[in-house]
């Protein structure tokens, strides 16, 4: 189990190092002058993203939507994931309620907090060649805290998340990386 956590931590640390060294630039420039005295109610942003690790514990395809019309505040996420190493396999369905908090009144950078549950069906041997999985079928709890970059007008988004998983034998400290598209 320690080997599995260590192998997942390496890409997470590389991503954090890369993110701290790189400067994010907006790919779009809004040249249209807008009247800021009237607020136009827009539709709620929707996102799809591919996540490695995180609440799904595998390679997961997710759908995320805000409850209101803004790009921040409350929303939900639902996904489906699968991972197979030959002797071990995991199928997961993460469900979460999340909250996006805007950083410095930015329209692209958010702190994301979430809580939820994941249905998990894992089969295999604890002596796997690359990852170790227990034989588990059932629900486990999860909570997330992390960073999300998501442009207000849609486009590429990415997330980096710390996501502990709570199950009957204790806590599994998990991290996740994701990239996707907001529309």
N, C-alpha and C. Protein backbone atom coordinates (compact mmCIF):
# COMPACT_ATOMS: atom_id res chain seq x y z
N UNK A 1 0.81 -1.18 0.00
CA UNK A 1 0.00 0.00 0.00
C UNK A 1 0.87 1.26 0.00
N UNK A 2 2.00 1.23 0.75
CA UNK A 2 2.88 2.39 0.79
C UNK A 2 3.49 2.65 -0.59
N UNK A 3 3.78 1.59 -1.33
CA UNK A 3 4.33 1.74 -2.68
C UNK A 3 3.33 2.44 -3.59
N UNK A 4 2.04 2.08 -3.44
CA UNK A 4 0.99 2.68 -4.27
C UNK A 4 0.86 4.17 -3.98
N UNK A 5 0.90 4.54 -2.71
CA UNK A 5 0.78 5.96 -2.34
C UNK A 5 2.00 6.73 -2.84
N UNK A 6 3.19 6.15 -2.70
CA UNK A 6 4.41 6.81 -3.16
C UNK A 6 4.39 7.02 -4.67
N UNK A 7 3.90 6.03 -5.43
CA UNK A 7 3.85 6.16 -6.89
C UNK A 7 2.85 7.23 -7.32
N UNK A 8 1.79 7.43 -6.57
CA UNK A 8 0.81 8.47 -6.89
C UNK A 8 1.31 9.85 -6.47
N UNK A 9 2.16 9.91 -5.47
CA UNK A 9 2.66 11.19 -4.97
C UNK A 9 3.68 11.81 -5.92
N UNK A 10 4.43 11.01 -6.66
CA UNK A 10 5.47 11.53 -7.56
C UNK A 10 4.89 12.43 -8.63
N UNK A 11 3.85 11.99 -9.40
CA UNK A 11 3.29 12.90 -10.41
C UNK A 11 2.65 14.14 -9.79
N UNK A 12 2.08 14.00 -8.60
CA UNK A 12 1.47 15.14 -7.92
C UNK A 12 2.52 16.19 -7.58
N UNK A 13 3.66 15.77 -7.05
CA UNK A 13 4.73 16.69 -6.72
C UNK A 13 5.33 17.34 -7.97
N UNK A 14 5.46 16.57 -9.05
CA UNK A 14 5.97 17.14 -10.30
C UNK A 14 5.02 18.21 -10.84
N UNK A 15 3.72 17.94 -10.76
CA UNK A 15 2.74 18.92 -11.24
C UNK A 15 2.78 20.19 -10.42
N UNK A 16 2.88 20.07 -9.08
CA UNK A 16 2.96 21.25 -8.22
C UNK A 16 4.20 22.05 -8.56
N UNK A 17 5.34 21.39 -8.73
CA UNK A 17 6.58 22.10 -9.07
C UNK A 17 6.46 22.82 -10.40
N UNK A 18 5.88 22.16 -11.39
CA UNK A 18 5.69 22.78 -12.70
C UNK A 18 4.78 23.98 -12.60
N UNK A 19 3.69 23.84 -11.84
CA UNK A 19 2.72 24.93 -11.73
C UNK A 19 3.32 26.15 -11.05
N UNK A 20 4.16 25.93 -10.03
CA UNK A 20 4.77 27.06 -9.34
C UNK A 20 5.80 27.78 -10.21
N UNK A 21 6.41 27.08 -11.17
CA UNK A 21 7.41 27.70 -12.03
C UNK A 21 6.81 28.35 -13.27
N UNK A 22 5.64 27.91 -13.67
CA UNK A 22 5.03 28.42 -14.91
C UNK A 22 4.09 29.58 -14.61
N UNK A 23 3.90 30.44 -15.56
CA UNK A 23 2.96 31.55 -15.43
C UNK A 23 1.77 31.26 -16.32
N UNK A 24 0.58 31.33 -15.73
CA UNK A 24 -0.62 31.08 -16.52
C UNK A 24 -1.01 32.36 -17.25
N UNK A 25 -1.33 32.23 -18.52
CA UNK A 25 -1.75 33.37 -19.32
C UNK A 25 -3.09 33.06 -19.94
N UNK A 26 -3.93 34.07 -19.99
CA UNK A 26 -5.23 33.89 -20.61
C UNK A 26 -5.05 33.82 -22.12
N UNK A 27 -5.74 32.88 -22.75
CA UNK A 27 -5.62 32.72 -24.19
C UNK A 27 -6.58 33.63 -24.94
N UNK A 28 -7.52 34.21 -24.21
CA UNK A 28 -8.49 35.07 -24.85
C UNK A 28 -8.36 36.49 -24.31
N UNK A 29 -8.63 37.45 -25.15
CA UNK A 29 -8.63 38.83 -24.71
C UNK A 29 -10.01 39.40 -25.01
N UNK A 30 -10.65 39.90 -23.99
CA UNK A 30 -11.99 40.44 -24.14
C UNK A 30 -11.87 41.90 -24.58
N UNK A 31 -12.15 42.16 -25.85
CA UNK A 31 -12.03 43.52 -26.38
C UNK A 31 -13.38 44.22 -26.47
N UNK A 32 -14.45 43.55 -26.08
CA UNK A 32 -15.78 44.14 -26.14
C UNK A 32 -16.03 44.92 -24.86
N UNK A 33 -16.44 46.18 -25.00
CA UNK A 33 -16.77 46.98 -23.82
C UNK A 33 -18.17 46.61 -23.39
N UNK A 34 -18.32 46.37 -22.09
CA UNK A 34 -19.60 45.92 -21.57
C UNK A 34 -20.12 46.91 -20.56
N UNK A 35 -21.44 47.01 -20.48
CA UNK A 35 -22.10 47.84 -19.49
C UNK A 35 -22.12 47.06 -18.18
N UNK A 36 -21.43 47.55 -17.16
CA UNK A 36 -21.33 46.82 -15.90
C UNK A 36 -22.44 47.22 -14.93
N UNK A 37 -23.33 48.11 -15.32
CA UNK A 37 -24.41 48.52 -14.42
C UNK A 37 -25.56 47.54 -14.40
N UNK A 38 -25.73 46.75 -15.45
CA UNK A 38 -26.79 45.74 -15.47
C UNK A 38 -26.16 44.36 -15.47
N UNK A 39 -26.70 43.52 -14.63
CA UNK A 39 -26.17 42.17 -14.52
C UNK A 39 -27.04 41.23 -15.34
N UNK A 40 -26.44 40.58 -16.31
CA UNK A 40 -27.15 39.63 -17.15
C UNK A 40 -27.00 38.25 -16.53
N UNK A 41 -28.13 37.60 -16.32
CA UNK A 41 -28.08 36.26 -15.73
C UNK A 41 -27.71 35.25 -16.80
N UNK A 42 -26.60 34.57 -16.60
CA UNK A 42 -26.11 33.59 -17.57
C UNK A 42 -26.47 32.18 -17.15
N UNK A 43 -26.07 31.25 -17.97
CA UNK A 43 -26.32 29.85 -17.64
C UNK A 43 -25.23 29.34 -16.70
N UNK A 44 -25.51 28.26 -16.03
CA UNK A 44 -24.54 27.71 -15.10
C UNK A 44 -23.46 26.95 -15.86
N UNK A 45 -22.19 27.20 -15.53
CA UNK A 45 -21.09 26.53 -16.23
C UNK A 45 -21.09 25.02 -15.99
N UNK A 46 -20.72 24.29 -17.02
CA UNK A 46 -20.60 22.84 -16.95
C UNK A 46 -19.17 22.47 -17.37
N UNK A 47 -18.62 21.45 -16.76
CA UNK A 47 -17.27 21.00 -17.08
C UNK A 47 -17.24 19.49 -17.22
N UNK A 48 -16.40 19.02 -18.12
CA UNK A 48 -16.06 17.61 -18.20
C UNK A 48 -14.54 17.53 -18.05
N UNK A 49 -14.08 16.56 -17.29
CA UNK A 49 -12.64 16.43 -17.11
C UNK A 49 -12.24 14.99 -16.82
N UNK A 50 -11.02 14.69 -17.19
CA UNK A 50 -10.41 13.40 -16.94
C UNK A 50 -9.51 13.54 -15.72
N UNK A 51 -9.71 12.69 -14.73
CA UNK A 51 -8.96 12.79 -13.49
C UNK A 51 -8.16 11.52 -13.25
N UNK A 52 -6.94 11.68 -12.79
CA UNK A 52 -6.09 10.57 -12.37
C UNK A 52 -6.02 10.63 -10.86
N UNK A 53 -6.40 9.54 -10.20
CA UNK A 53 -6.44 9.52 -8.74
C UNK A 53 -7.68 10.23 -8.22
N UNK A 54 -7.55 10.90 -7.09
CA UNK A 54 -8.66 11.65 -6.53
C UNK A 54 -9.74 10.75 -5.97
N UNK A 55 -10.96 11.27 -5.93
CA UNK A 55 -12.09 10.55 -5.32
C UNK A 55 -12.41 9.26 -6.05
N UNK A 56 -12.07 9.15 -7.34
CA UNK A 56 -12.35 7.95 -8.10
C UNK A 56 -11.31 6.87 -7.98
N UNK A 57 -10.15 7.16 -7.37
CA UNK A 57 -9.06 6.21 -7.14
C UNK A 57 -8.52 5.56 -8.41
N UNK A 58 -8.89 6.05 -9.55
CA UNK A 58 -8.51 5.41 -10.82
C UNK A 58 -8.46 6.51 -11.88
N UNK A 59 -8.54 6.11 -13.11
CA UNK A 59 -8.69 7.05 -14.22
C UNK A 59 -10.19 7.28 -14.37
N UNK A 60 -10.64 8.52 -14.13
CA UNK A 60 -12.07 8.81 -14.02
C UNK A 60 -12.48 9.91 -14.98
N UNK A 61 -13.61 9.73 -15.66
CA UNK A 61 -14.23 10.76 -16.49
C UNK A 61 -15.36 11.37 -15.67
N UNK A 62 -15.36 12.72 -15.53
CA UNK A 62 -16.28 13.40 -14.63
C UNK A 62 -17.08 14.48 -15.33
N UNK A 63 -18.27 14.76 -14.79
CA UNK A 63 -19.12 15.87 -15.21
C UNK A 63 -19.35 16.73 -13.97
N UNK A 64 -19.15 18.05 -14.11
CA UNK A 64 -19.28 18.99 -13.00
C UNK A 64 -20.19 20.13 -13.43
N UNK A 65 -21.11 20.56 -12.57
CA UNK A 65 -22.03 21.64 -12.90
C UNK A 65 -22.29 22.48 -11.67
N UNK A 66 -22.38 23.80 -11.85
CA UNK A 66 -22.74 24.72 -10.77
C UNK A 66 -24.25 24.72 -10.60
N UNK A 67 -24.73 24.89 -9.36
CA UNK A 67 -26.17 24.98 -9.11
C UNK A 67 -26.73 26.32 -9.57
N UNK A 68 -25.96 27.40 -9.40
CA UNK A 68 -26.41 28.74 -9.78
C UNK A 68 -25.84 29.15 -11.12
N UNK A 69 -25.96 30.46 -11.41
CA UNK A 69 -25.51 30.95 -12.72
C UNK A 69 -24.05 31.39 -12.73
N UNK A 70 -23.42 31.53 -11.58
CA UNK A 70 -22.01 31.97 -11.56
C UNK A 70 -21.05 30.81 -11.72
N UNK A 71 -19.76 31.15 -11.91
CA UNK A 71 -18.75 30.10 -12.04
C UNK A 71 -18.23 29.64 -10.70
N UNK A 72 -18.64 30.28 -9.62
CA UNK A 72 -18.20 29.84 -8.30
C UNK A 72 -19.42 29.38 -7.49
N UNK A 73 -19.25 29.24 -6.23
CA UNK A 73 -20.27 28.79 -5.28
C UNK A 73 -20.51 27.28 -5.38
N UNK A 74 -21.73 26.82 -5.07
CA UNK A 74 -22.05 25.40 -4.93
C UNK A 74 -22.28 24.71 -6.27
N UNK A 75 -21.89 23.44 -6.33
CA UNK A 75 -22.10 22.62 -7.52
C UNK A 75 -21.99 21.14 -7.17
N UNK A 76 -22.02 20.31 -8.18
CA UNK A 76 -21.89 18.88 -7.96
C UNK A 76 -21.01 18.26 -9.04
N UNK A 77 -20.57 17.03 -8.75
CA UNK A 77 -19.73 16.29 -9.68
C UNK A 77 -20.13 14.83 -9.62
N UNK A 78 -20.18 14.20 -10.77
CA UNK A 78 -20.44 12.76 -10.86
C UNK A 78 -19.47 12.19 -11.90
N UNK A 79 -18.96 11.02 -11.65
CA UNK A 79 -17.97 10.44 -12.57
C UNK A 79 -18.06 8.93 -12.63
N UNK A 80 -17.26 8.36 -13.51
CA UNK A 80 -17.13 6.91 -13.64
C UNK A 80 -15.67 6.62 -13.96
N UNK A 81 -15.09 5.67 -13.26
CA UNK A 81 -13.68 5.38 -13.46
C UNK A 81 -13.38 3.90 -13.52
N UNK A 82 -12.26 3.58 -14.15
CA UNK A 82 -11.81 2.19 -14.26
C UNK A 82 -10.30 2.18 -14.40
N UNK A 83 -9.70 1.15 -13.81
CA UNK A 83 -8.26 0.96 -13.94
C UNK A 83 -7.99 -0.53 -13.83
N UNK A 84 -7.12 -1.07 -14.69
CA UNK A 84 -6.83 -2.49 -14.69
C UNK A 84 -5.34 -2.70 -14.94
N UNK A 85 -4.71 -3.50 -14.08
CA UNK A 85 -3.29 -3.83 -14.25
C UNK A 85 -3.09 -5.28 -14.63
N UNK A 86 -4.14 -6.00 -14.96
CA UNK A 86 -4.03 -7.42 -15.26
C UNK A 86 -4.47 -8.24 -14.07
N UNK A 87 -3.71 -8.18 -12.96
CA UNK A 87 -4.09 -8.95 -11.78
C UNK A 87 -4.99 -8.14 -10.84
N UNK A 88 -5.07 -6.84 -11.03
CA UNK A 88 -5.88 -5.97 -10.19
C UNK A 88 -6.76 -5.08 -11.06
N UNK A 89 -7.99 -4.80 -10.58
CA UNK A 89 -8.86 -3.88 -11.30
C UNK A 89 -9.71 -3.10 -10.31
N UNK A 90 -10.06 -1.87 -10.71
CA UNK A 90 -10.89 -0.99 -9.89
C UNK A 90 -11.93 -0.35 -10.78
N UNK A 91 -13.20 -0.38 -10.35
CA UNK A 91 -14.28 0.36 -10.98
C UNK A 91 -14.83 1.29 -9.91
N UNK A 92 -15.01 2.58 -10.23
CA UNK A 92 -15.47 3.53 -9.23
C UNK A 92 -16.47 4.52 -9.82
N UNK A 93 -17.35 5.03 -8.94
CA UNK A 93 -18.32 6.07 -9.29
C UNK A 93 -18.28 7.12 -8.19
N UNK A 94 -17.51 8.22 -8.38
CA UNK A 94 -17.46 9.28 -7.37
C UNK A 94 -18.65 10.24 -7.52
N UNK A 95 -19.23 10.62 -6.39
CA UNK A 95 -20.31 11.61 -6.32
C UNK A 95 -19.91 12.63 -5.27
N UNK A 96 -19.92 13.92 -5.62
CA UNK A 96 -19.51 14.94 -4.67
C UNK A 96 -20.36 16.20 -4.81
N UNK A 97 -20.52 16.89 -3.68
CA UNK A 97 -21.02 18.26 -3.65
C UNK A 97 -19.78 19.12 -3.44
N UNK A 98 -19.61 20.17 -4.27
CA UNK A 98 -18.41 20.98 -4.14
C UNK A 98 -18.73 22.47 -4.07
N UNK A 99 -17.76 23.23 -3.60
CA UNK A 99 -17.88 24.68 -3.48
C UNK A 99 -16.63 25.30 -4.06
N UNK A 100 -16.79 26.28 -4.95
CA UNK A 100 -15.66 27.00 -5.52
C UNK A 100 -15.61 28.40 -4.92
N UNK A 101 -14.46 28.74 -4.37
CA UNK A 101 -14.24 30.05 -3.76
C UNK A 101 -13.22 30.80 -4.61
N UNK A 102 -13.61 31.94 -5.16
CA UNK A 102 -12.76 32.74 -6.04
C UNK A 102 -11.55 33.29 -5.28
N UNK A 103 -10.36 33.18 -5.88
CA UNK A 103 -9.13 33.68 -5.28
C UNK A 103 -8.90 35.11 -5.76
N UNK A 104 -8.80 36.05 -4.83
CA UNK A 104 -8.54 37.47 -5.13
C UNK A 104 -9.49 38.03 -6.19
N UNK A 105 -10.74 37.66 -6.11
CA UNK A 105 -11.77 38.13 -7.05
C UNK A 105 -11.41 37.82 -8.49
N UNK A 106 -10.63 36.80 -8.70
CA UNK A 106 -10.27 36.36 -10.05
C UNK A 106 -11.45 35.61 -10.64
N UNK A 107 -11.56 35.62 -11.95
CA UNK A 107 -12.63 34.87 -12.59
C UNK A 107 -12.13 33.54 -13.14
N UNK A 108 -10.89 33.18 -12.83
CA UNK A 108 -10.32 31.93 -13.35
C UNK A 108 -9.74 31.02 -12.29
N UNK A 109 -9.31 31.53 -11.16
CA UNK A 109 -8.64 30.73 -10.13
C UNK A 109 -9.54 30.54 -8.92
N UNK A 110 -9.67 29.30 -8.49
CA UNK A 110 -10.57 28.98 -7.39
C UNK A 110 -9.93 28.00 -6.41
N UNK A 111 -10.31 28.13 -5.15
CA UNK A 111 -10.06 27.09 -4.17
C UNK A 111 -11.30 26.21 -4.19
N UNK A 112 -11.11 24.90 -4.30
CA UNK A 112 -12.24 23.97 -4.37
C UNK A 112 -12.27 23.11 -3.12
N UNK A 113 -13.42 23.05 -2.49
CA UNK A 113 -13.65 22.15 -1.36
C UNK A 113 -14.83 21.25 -1.70
N UNK A 114 -14.77 19.99 -1.31
CA UNK A 114 -15.85 19.07 -1.67
C UNK A 114 -15.95 17.95 -0.64
N UNK A 115 -17.11 17.31 -0.62
CA UNK A 115 -17.32 16.11 0.18
C UNK A 115 -18.29 15.21 -0.56
N UNK A 116 -18.21 13.92 -0.31
CA UNK A 116 -19.10 13.01 -1.01
C UNK A 116 -18.81 11.56 -0.70
N UNK A 117 -19.20 10.72 -1.64
CA UNK A 117 -19.03 9.28 -1.50
C UNK A 117 -18.57 8.70 -2.84
N UNK A 118 -17.94 7.57 -2.78
CA UNK A 118 -17.50 6.86 -3.98
C UNK A 118 -17.93 5.40 -3.87
N UNK A 119 -18.64 4.92 -4.89
CA UNK A 119 -18.90 3.49 -4.97
C UNK A 119 -17.65 2.86 -5.56
N UNK A 120 -17.19 1.80 -4.93
CA UNK A 120 -15.92 1.19 -5.31
C UNK A 120 -16.09 -0.32 -5.44
N UNK A 121 -15.59 -0.88 -6.54
CA UNK A 121 -15.54 -2.32 -6.73
C UNK A 121 -14.12 -2.65 -7.19
N UNK A 122 -13.31 -3.14 -6.27
CA UNK A 122 -11.94 -3.48 -6.62
C UNK A 122 -11.72 -4.97 -6.39
N UNK A 123 -10.97 -5.54 -7.31
CA UNK A 123 -10.66 -6.97 -7.24
C UNK A 123 -9.18 -7.16 -7.53
N UNK A 124 -8.60 -8.10 -6.85
CA UNK A 124 -7.21 -8.38 -7.15
C UNK A 124 -6.45 -8.91 -5.98
N UNK A 125 -5.17 -8.82 -6.12
CA UNK A 125 -4.24 -9.37 -5.14
C UNK A 125 -3.52 -8.24 -4.44
N UNK A 126 -3.28 -8.36 -3.14
CA UNK A 126 -2.47 -7.35 -2.46
C UNK A 126 -1.00 -7.42 -2.87
N UNK A 127 -0.63 -8.40 -3.67
CA UNK A 127 0.74 -8.54 -4.16
C UNK A 127 0.83 -8.19 -5.64
N UNK A 128 0.12 -7.16 -6.06
CA UNK A 128 0.13 -6.74 -7.46
C UNK A 128 1.51 -6.28 -7.89
N UNK A 129 1.78 -6.33 -9.19
CA UNK A 129 3.10 -5.98 -9.70
C UNK A 129 3.34 -4.47 -9.72
N UNK A 130 2.28 -3.67 -9.89
CA UNK A 130 2.46 -2.23 -9.97
C UNK A 130 1.70 -1.51 -8.86
N UNK A 131 0.42 -1.81 -8.69
CA UNK A 131 -0.39 -1.26 -7.61
C UNK A 131 -0.97 -2.41 -6.81
N UNK A 132 -1.32 -2.12 -5.56
CA UNK A 132 -1.92 -3.11 -4.69
C UNK A 132 -3.37 -2.72 -4.40
N UNK A 133 -4.31 -3.63 -4.62
CA UNK A 133 -5.72 -3.38 -4.34
C UNK A 133 -6.27 -4.49 -3.46
N UNK A 134 -7.16 -4.12 -2.55
CA UNK A 134 -7.90 -5.09 -1.76
C UNK A 134 -9.18 -5.43 -2.50
N UNK A 135 -9.81 -6.54 -2.13
CA UNK A 135 -11.11 -6.90 -2.68
C UNK A 135 -12.18 -6.15 -1.89
N UNK A 136 -12.73 -5.11 -2.50
CA UNK A 136 -13.71 -4.24 -1.82
C UNK A 136 -14.87 -3.99 -2.77
N UNK A 137 -16.09 -4.07 -2.25
CA UNK A 137 -17.27 -3.62 -2.96
C UNK A 137 -18.12 -2.86 -1.96
N UNK A 138 -18.39 -1.60 -2.25
CA UNK A 138 -19.19 -0.79 -1.34
C UNK A 138 -18.90 0.69 -1.50
N UNK A 139 -19.37 1.45 -0.55
CA UNK A 139 -19.21 2.90 -0.58
C UNK A 139 -18.17 3.33 0.43
N UNK A 140 -17.41 4.36 0.08
CA UNK A 140 -16.47 4.98 1.01
C UNK A 140 -16.67 6.49 0.92
N UNK A 141 -16.35 7.19 2.00
CA UNK A 141 -16.50 8.64 2.03
C UNK A 141 -15.26 9.32 1.50
N UNK A 142 -15.40 10.57 1.06
CA UNK A 142 -14.25 11.34 0.60
C UNK A 142 -14.47 12.82 0.88
N UNK A 143 -13.38 13.54 0.95
CA UNK A 143 -13.40 14.99 1.11
C UNK A 143 -12.25 15.53 0.27
N UNK A 144 -12.41 16.71 -0.30
CA UNK A 144 -11.38 17.26 -1.19
C UNK A 144 -11.08 18.71 -0.84
N UNK A 145 -9.85 19.09 -1.04
CA UNK A 145 -9.44 20.49 -0.99
C UNK A 145 -8.36 20.66 -2.04
N UNK A 146 -8.46 21.73 -2.83
CA UNK A 146 -7.47 21.91 -3.88
C UNK A 146 -7.66 23.18 -4.67
N UNK A 147 -6.98 23.23 -5.81
CA UNK A 147 -6.98 24.40 -6.69
C UNK A 147 -7.63 24.02 -8.02
N UNK A 148 -8.45 24.93 -8.54
CA UNK A 148 -9.06 24.73 -9.86
C UNK A 148 -8.84 25.99 -10.70
N UNK A 149 -8.37 25.79 -11.93
CA UNK A 149 -8.28 26.87 -12.92
C UNK A 149 -9.37 26.62 -13.94
N UNK A 150 -10.28 27.59 -14.06
CA UNK A 150 -11.42 27.44 -14.96
C UNK A 150 -11.81 28.82 -15.47
N UNK A 151 -11.67 29.05 -16.77
CA UNK A 151 -11.98 30.35 -17.34
C UNK A 151 -13.48 30.60 -17.31
N UNK A 152 -13.86 31.86 -17.08
CA UNK A 152 -15.26 32.23 -16.96
C UNK A 152 -16.06 31.96 -18.24
N UNK A 153 -15.46 32.21 -19.39
CA UNK A 153 -16.16 32.05 -20.66
C UNK A 153 -15.97 30.67 -21.28
N UNK A 154 -15.50 29.72 -20.52
CA UNK A 154 -15.29 28.37 -21.03
C UNK A 154 -13.87 28.17 -21.52
N UNK A 155 -13.56 26.96 -21.85
CA UNK A 155 -12.22 26.61 -22.32
C UNK A 155 -11.60 25.55 -21.43
N UNK A 156 -10.29 25.42 -21.53
CA UNK A 156 -9.54 24.40 -20.79
C UNK A 156 -9.62 24.68 -19.29
N UNK A 157 -9.77 23.62 -18.51
CA UNK A 157 -9.69 23.73 -17.06
C UNK A 157 -8.75 22.66 -16.53
N UNK A 158 -8.19 22.90 -15.34
CA UNK A 158 -7.42 21.87 -14.67
C UNK A 158 -7.57 22.00 -13.17
N UNK A 159 -7.32 20.89 -12.49
CA UNK A 159 -7.48 20.82 -11.04
C UNK A 159 -6.31 20.04 -10.45
N UNK A 160 -5.95 20.40 -9.22
CA UNK A 160 -5.02 19.62 -8.42
C UNK A 160 -5.65 19.53 -7.03
N UNK A 161 -5.83 18.31 -6.55
CA UNK A 161 -6.68 18.07 -5.38
C UNK A 161 -5.97 17.14 -4.38
N UNK A 162 -6.13 17.44 -3.11
CA UNK A 162 -5.80 16.50 -2.03
C UNK A 162 -7.13 15.89 -1.61
N UNK A 163 -7.23 14.57 -1.62
CA UNK A 163 -8.52 13.90 -1.47
C UNK A 163 -8.43 12.67 -0.57
N UNK A 164 -8.51 12.81 0.76
CA UNK A 164 -8.49 11.63 1.61
C UNK A 164 -9.76 10.80 1.43
N UNK A 165 -9.59 9.48 1.42
CA UNK A 165 -10.69 8.53 1.27
C UNK A 165 -10.89 7.84 2.63
N UNK A 166 -12.12 7.85 3.13
CA UNK A 166 -12.44 7.26 4.43
C UNK A 166 -13.17 5.94 4.21
N UNK A 167 -12.63 4.85 4.74
CA UNK A 167 -13.27 3.55 4.62
C UNK A 167 -13.12 2.81 5.94
N UNK A 168 -13.73 1.63 6.06
CA UNK A 168 -13.82 0.94 7.35
C UNK A 168 -12.47 0.58 7.98
N UNK A 169 -11.41 0.52 7.20
CA UNK A 169 -10.10 0.18 7.74
C UNK A 169 -9.23 1.40 8.01
N UNK A 170 -9.75 2.61 7.79
CA UNK A 170 -8.98 3.81 8.08
C UNK A 170 -9.11 4.86 6.99
N UNK A 171 -8.02 5.58 6.76
CA UNK A 171 -7.99 6.68 5.80
C UNK A 171 -6.89 6.41 4.78
N UNK A 172 -7.23 6.60 3.50
CA UNK A 172 -6.25 6.51 2.43
C UNK A 172 -6.02 7.94 1.93
N UNK A 173 -4.79 8.43 2.06
CA UNK A 173 -4.46 9.80 1.65
C UNK A 173 -4.17 9.79 0.16
N UNK A 174 -5.05 10.42 -0.61
CA UNK A 174 -5.05 10.36 -2.07
C UNK A 174 -4.90 11.77 -2.64
N UNK A 175 -4.31 11.87 -3.78
CA UNK A 175 -4.24 13.12 -4.53
C UNK A 175 -4.79 12.91 -5.92
N UNK A 176 -5.13 13.98 -6.59
CA UNK A 176 -5.67 13.86 -7.93
C UNK A 176 -5.29 15.01 -8.83
N UNK A 177 -5.13 14.71 -10.11
CA UNK A 177 -4.87 15.71 -11.15
C UNK A 177 -5.94 15.54 -12.22
N UNK A 178 -6.41 16.65 -12.75
CA UNK A 178 -7.39 16.53 -13.81
C UNK A 178 -7.23 17.65 -14.83
N UNK A 179 -7.66 17.37 -16.05
CA UNK A 179 -7.69 18.34 -17.12
C UNK A 179 -8.95 18.10 -17.91
N UNK A 180 -9.57 19.20 -18.36
CA UNK A 180 -10.83 19.05 -19.07
C UNK A 180 -11.23 20.31 -19.79
N UNK A 181 -12.54 20.43 -20.02
CA UNK A 181 -13.08 21.55 -20.79
C UNK A 181 -14.34 22.07 -20.11
N UNK A 182 -14.46 23.39 -20.01
CA UNK A 182 -15.63 24.05 -19.45
C UNK A 182 -16.43 24.67 -20.57
N UNK A 183 -17.75 24.51 -20.54
CA UNK A 183 -18.62 25.09 -21.56
C UNK A 183 -19.85 25.70 -20.92
